[in-house]
N, C-alpha and C. Protein backbone atom coordinates (compact mmCIF):
# COMPACT_ATOMS: atom_id res chain seq x y z
N ILE A 1 82.30 115.16 97.10
CA ILE A 1 82.94 113.95 97.47
C ILE A 1 82.34 113.37 98.76
N THR A 2 82.13 112.14 98.84
CA THR A 2 81.57 111.52 100.06
C THR A 2 82.64 111.26 101.08
N VAL A 3 82.30 111.15 102.35
CA VAL A 3 83.24 110.78 103.39
C VAL A 3 83.93 109.46 103.00
N ARG A 4 83.13 108.51 102.54
CA ARG A 4 83.70 107.18 102.08
C ARG A 4 84.78 107.36 101.05
N ASP A 5 84.45 108.10 100.04
CA ASP A 5 85.47 108.37 98.95
C ASP A 5 86.69 109.10 99.50
N ALA A 6 86.53 110.09 100.40
CA ALA A 6 87.63 110.84 100.98
C ALA A 6 88.54 109.86 101.80
N LEU A 7 87.93 109.03 102.58
CA LEU A 7 88.71 108.11 103.37
C LEU A 7 89.52 107.09 102.48
N ASN A 8 88.81 106.58 101.43
CA ASN A 8 89.47 105.65 100.53
C ASN A 8 90.59 106.36 99.79
N SER A 9 90.44 107.55 99.33
CA SER A 9 91.48 108.39 98.68
C SER A 9 92.64 108.63 99.61
N ALA A 10 92.45 108.94 100.91
CA ALA A 10 93.46 109.15 101.83
C ALA A 10 94.28 107.94 102.08
N LEU A 11 93.58 106.80 102.24
CA LEU A 11 94.30 105.50 102.44
C LEU A 11 95.16 105.19 101.23
N ASP A 12 94.59 105.36 99.98
CA ASP A 12 95.30 105.11 98.80
C ASP A 12 96.56 105.99 98.66
N GLU A 13 96.38 107.27 98.97
CA GLU A 13 97.49 108.26 98.88
C GLU A 13 98.60 107.88 99.87
N GLU A 14 98.26 107.45 101.03
CA GLU A 14 99.26 107.20 102.03
C GLU A 14 99.98 105.86 101.69
N MET A 15 99.20 104.89 101.28
CA MET A 15 99.78 103.52 100.86
C MET A 15 100.69 103.69 99.61
N SER A 16 100.29 104.57 98.77
CA SER A 16 101.14 104.80 97.58
C SER A 16 102.44 105.49 97.89
N ALA A 17 102.37 106.43 98.86
CA ALA A 17 103.58 107.20 99.20
C ALA A 17 104.51 106.51 100.06
N ASP A 18 104.06 105.53 100.88
CA ASP A 18 104.87 104.94 101.90
C ASP A 18 104.67 103.40 102.02
N PRO A 19 105.62 102.64 101.59
CA PRO A 19 105.37 101.15 101.60
C PRO A 19 105.32 100.54 103.00
N SER A 20 105.59 101.32 104.06
CA SER A 20 105.42 100.79 105.39
C SER A 20 104.03 100.92 105.92
N VAL A 21 103.14 101.58 105.15
CA VAL A 21 101.71 101.70 105.53
C VAL A 21 101.00 100.44 105.12
N PHE A 22 100.25 99.83 106.02
CA PHE A 22 99.40 98.72 105.68
C PHE A 22 98.10 98.90 106.41
N LEU A 23 97.10 98.13 105.96
CA LEU A 23 95.72 98.17 106.48
C LEU A 23 95.32 96.85 106.98
N MET A 24 94.68 96.76 108.10
CA MET A 24 94.15 95.50 108.58
C MET A 24 92.84 95.71 109.33
N GLY A 25 91.99 94.67 109.23
CA GLY A 25 90.71 94.73 109.94
C GLY A 25 89.72 93.64 109.35
N GLU A 26 88.61 93.61 109.96
CA GLU A 26 87.65 92.58 109.55
C GLU A 26 87.04 92.90 108.14
N GLU A 27 87.22 91.99 107.21
CA GLU A 27 86.65 92.12 105.92
C GLU A 27 87.16 93.38 105.07
N VAL A 28 88.35 93.84 105.34
CA VAL A 28 88.81 95.01 104.62
C VAL A 28 89.39 94.66 103.23
N GLY A 29 89.60 93.41 103.01
CA GLY A 29 90.22 92.91 101.76
C GLY A 29 89.18 92.43 100.77
N GLU A 30 88.85 91.17 100.84
CA GLU A 30 87.92 90.61 99.88
C GLU A 30 86.60 91.22 99.79
N TYR A 31 86.04 91.62 101.03
CA TYR A 31 84.72 92.25 101.04
C TYR A 31 84.84 93.79 100.82
N GLN A 32 86.01 94.34 100.95
CA GLN A 32 86.29 95.73 100.71
C GLN A 32 85.79 96.65 101.81
N GLY A 33 85.63 96.08 103.00
CA GLY A 33 85.19 96.91 104.13
C GLY A 33 83.67 96.90 104.32
N ALA A 34 83.23 96.95 105.48
CA ALA A 34 81.82 96.96 105.75
C ALA A 34 81.07 98.07 105.06
N TYR A 35 81.73 99.19 104.94
CA TYR A 35 81.11 100.35 104.32
C TYR A 35 81.84 100.74 103.00
N LYS A 36 82.61 99.78 102.47
CA LYS A 36 83.29 99.91 101.15
C LYS A 36 84.37 100.98 101.15
N ILE A 37 84.89 101.30 102.31
CA ILE A 37 85.96 102.36 102.38
C ILE A 37 87.23 101.79 101.79
N THR A 38 87.51 100.53 101.84
CA THR A 38 88.73 100.03 101.36
C THR A 38 88.62 99.44 99.91
N LYS A 39 87.59 99.84 99.24
CA LYS A 39 87.32 99.38 97.83
C LYS A 39 88.48 99.59 96.93
N GLY A 40 88.92 98.48 96.25
CA GLY A 40 90.02 98.53 95.32
C GLY A 40 91.44 98.48 95.94
N LEU A 41 91.59 98.58 97.22
CA LEU A 41 92.95 98.61 97.83
C LEU A 41 93.58 97.25 97.82
N LEU A 42 92.86 96.20 98.00
CA LEU A 42 93.40 94.85 97.93
C LEU A 42 93.98 94.56 96.55
N ASP A 43 93.21 94.88 95.57
CA ASP A 43 93.64 94.64 94.10
C ASP A 43 94.96 95.54 93.86
N LYS A 44 95.02 96.68 94.36
CA LYS A 44 96.16 97.61 94.06
C LYS A 44 97.38 97.25 94.90
N TYR A 45 97.18 96.91 96.17
CA TYR A 45 98.39 96.76 97.04
C TYR A 45 98.63 95.34 97.44
N GLY A 46 97.64 94.43 97.28
CA GLY A 46 97.90 93.00 97.55
C GLY A 46 97.65 92.64 98.99
N PRO A 47 97.65 91.32 99.23
CA PRO A 47 97.28 90.82 100.52
C PRO A 47 98.36 90.96 101.61
N ASP A 48 99.66 91.36 101.17
CA ASP A 48 100.59 91.66 102.18
C ASP A 48 100.43 93.04 102.90
N ARG A 49 99.64 93.91 102.24
CA ARG A 49 99.40 95.20 102.80
C ARG A 49 97.96 95.53 103.11
N VAL A 50 97.09 94.66 102.69
CA VAL A 50 95.64 94.79 103.03
C VAL A 50 95.20 93.43 103.59
N LEU A 51 95.13 93.34 104.92
CA LEU A 51 94.96 92.14 105.64
C LEU A 51 93.60 91.98 106.28
N ASP A 52 92.88 90.93 105.85
CA ASP A 52 91.65 90.54 106.54
C ASP A 52 92.00 89.86 107.91
N THR A 53 91.33 90.24 108.93
CA THR A 53 91.60 89.65 110.21
C THR A 53 90.43 88.82 110.72
N PRO A 54 90.66 87.93 111.70
CA PRO A 54 89.55 87.31 112.31
C PRO A 54 88.76 88.28 113.24
N ILE A 55 87.65 87.90 113.72
CA ILE A 55 86.85 88.77 114.58
C ILE A 55 87.49 88.76 115.99
N THR A 56 88.49 89.59 116.15
CA THR A 56 89.20 89.69 117.43
C THR A 56 89.83 91.10 117.49
N GLU A 57 89.04 92.11 117.83
CA GLU A 57 89.58 93.45 117.84
C GLU A 57 90.72 93.65 118.72
N ALA A 58 90.77 93.03 119.87
CA ALA A 58 91.88 93.21 120.78
C ALA A 58 93.11 92.55 120.20
N GLY A 59 92.94 91.50 119.47
CA GLY A 59 94.09 90.84 118.82
C GLY A 59 94.70 91.60 117.76
N PHE A 60 93.93 92.14 116.81
CA PHE A 60 94.54 92.91 115.72
C PHE A 60 94.96 94.28 116.16
N THR A 61 94.35 94.81 117.21
CA THR A 61 94.88 96.06 117.76
C THR A 61 96.32 95.86 118.31
N GLY A 62 96.52 94.73 119.02
CA GLY A 62 97.81 94.49 119.56
C GLY A 62 98.86 94.27 118.45
N ILE A 63 98.44 93.57 117.36
CA ILE A 63 99.35 93.40 116.21
C ILE A 63 99.72 94.76 115.63
N GLY A 64 98.74 95.68 115.55
CA GLY A 64 98.99 97.03 115.02
C GLY A 64 99.92 97.83 115.90
N VAL A 65 99.77 97.71 117.21
CA VAL A 65 100.68 98.40 118.10
C VAL A 65 102.11 97.82 118.01
N GLY A 66 102.23 96.56 117.96
CA GLY A 66 103.56 95.94 117.81
C GLY A 66 104.21 96.35 116.49
N ALA A 67 103.43 96.40 115.36
CA ALA A 67 103.94 96.80 114.12
C ALA A 67 104.41 98.25 114.11
N ALA A 68 103.68 99.09 114.82
CA ALA A 68 104.12 100.50 114.95
C ALA A 68 105.40 100.64 115.71
N TYR A 69 105.58 99.85 116.84
CA TYR A 69 106.73 99.83 117.54
C TYR A 69 107.95 99.46 116.69
N GLN A 70 107.72 98.61 115.66
CA GLN A 70 108.80 98.21 114.79
C GLN A 70 109.00 99.06 113.60
N GLY A 71 108.32 100.25 113.56
CA GLY A 71 108.56 101.20 112.49
C GLY A 71 107.55 101.16 111.34
N LEU A 72 106.65 100.22 111.36
CA LEU A 72 105.59 100.17 110.31
C LEU A 72 104.49 101.21 110.64
N ARG A 73 103.62 101.42 109.71
CA ARG A 73 102.56 102.39 109.86
C ARG A 73 101.20 101.70 109.64
N PRO A 74 100.74 100.98 110.64
CA PRO A 74 99.44 100.28 110.41
C PRO A 74 98.21 101.19 110.53
N VAL A 75 97.23 100.88 109.73
CA VAL A 75 95.97 101.46 109.80
C VAL A 75 94.98 100.36 110.20
N ILE A 76 94.42 100.50 111.37
CA ILE A 76 93.52 99.48 111.87
C ILE A 76 92.07 99.93 111.70
N GLU A 77 91.25 99.14 111.06
CA GLU A 77 89.85 99.47 110.85
C GLU A 77 88.99 98.59 111.79
N PHE A 78 88.18 99.27 112.57
CA PHE A 78 87.18 98.57 113.33
C PHE A 78 85.86 98.70 112.57
N MET A 79 85.13 97.66 112.54
CA MET A 79 83.87 97.68 111.78
C MET A 79 82.90 98.72 112.41
N THR A 80 82.81 98.75 113.73
CA THR A 80 82.04 99.77 114.44
C THR A 80 82.87 100.25 115.59
N PHE A 81 82.58 101.54 115.94
CA PHE A 81 83.41 102.20 116.96
C PHE A 81 83.27 101.49 118.38
N ASN A 82 82.12 100.97 118.67
CA ASN A 82 81.92 100.43 120.05
C ASN A 82 82.85 99.25 120.34
N PHE A 83 83.38 98.60 119.31
CA PHE A 83 84.31 97.49 119.52
C PHE A 83 85.67 98.04 119.95
N SER A 84 85.95 99.22 119.74
CA SER A 84 87.27 99.80 120.10
C SER A 84 87.25 100.10 121.61
N MET A 85 86.11 100.11 122.19
CA MET A 85 85.99 100.49 123.64
C MET A 85 86.02 99.34 124.60
N GLN A 86 86.22 98.12 124.06
CA GLN A 86 86.24 96.91 124.91
C GLN A 86 87.60 96.66 125.48
């Protein structure tokens, strides 16, 4: 199994088990992620739980923190790690 497939499987498993889990990031929906980690998740869980965001890492990170404070379980995907350090 590839790392990509393992990550996709883990996301699918958690989203299936818990309706409060959602995924957001740049191109995670229609494009299925820069590295195709989110392949098939938009079709399976819909746009309410797989959210494409604009190119604003600080913005969707803040949304994720706020969602977690409210009891949701956000998964935030950064296209590349260096954007998380800004």
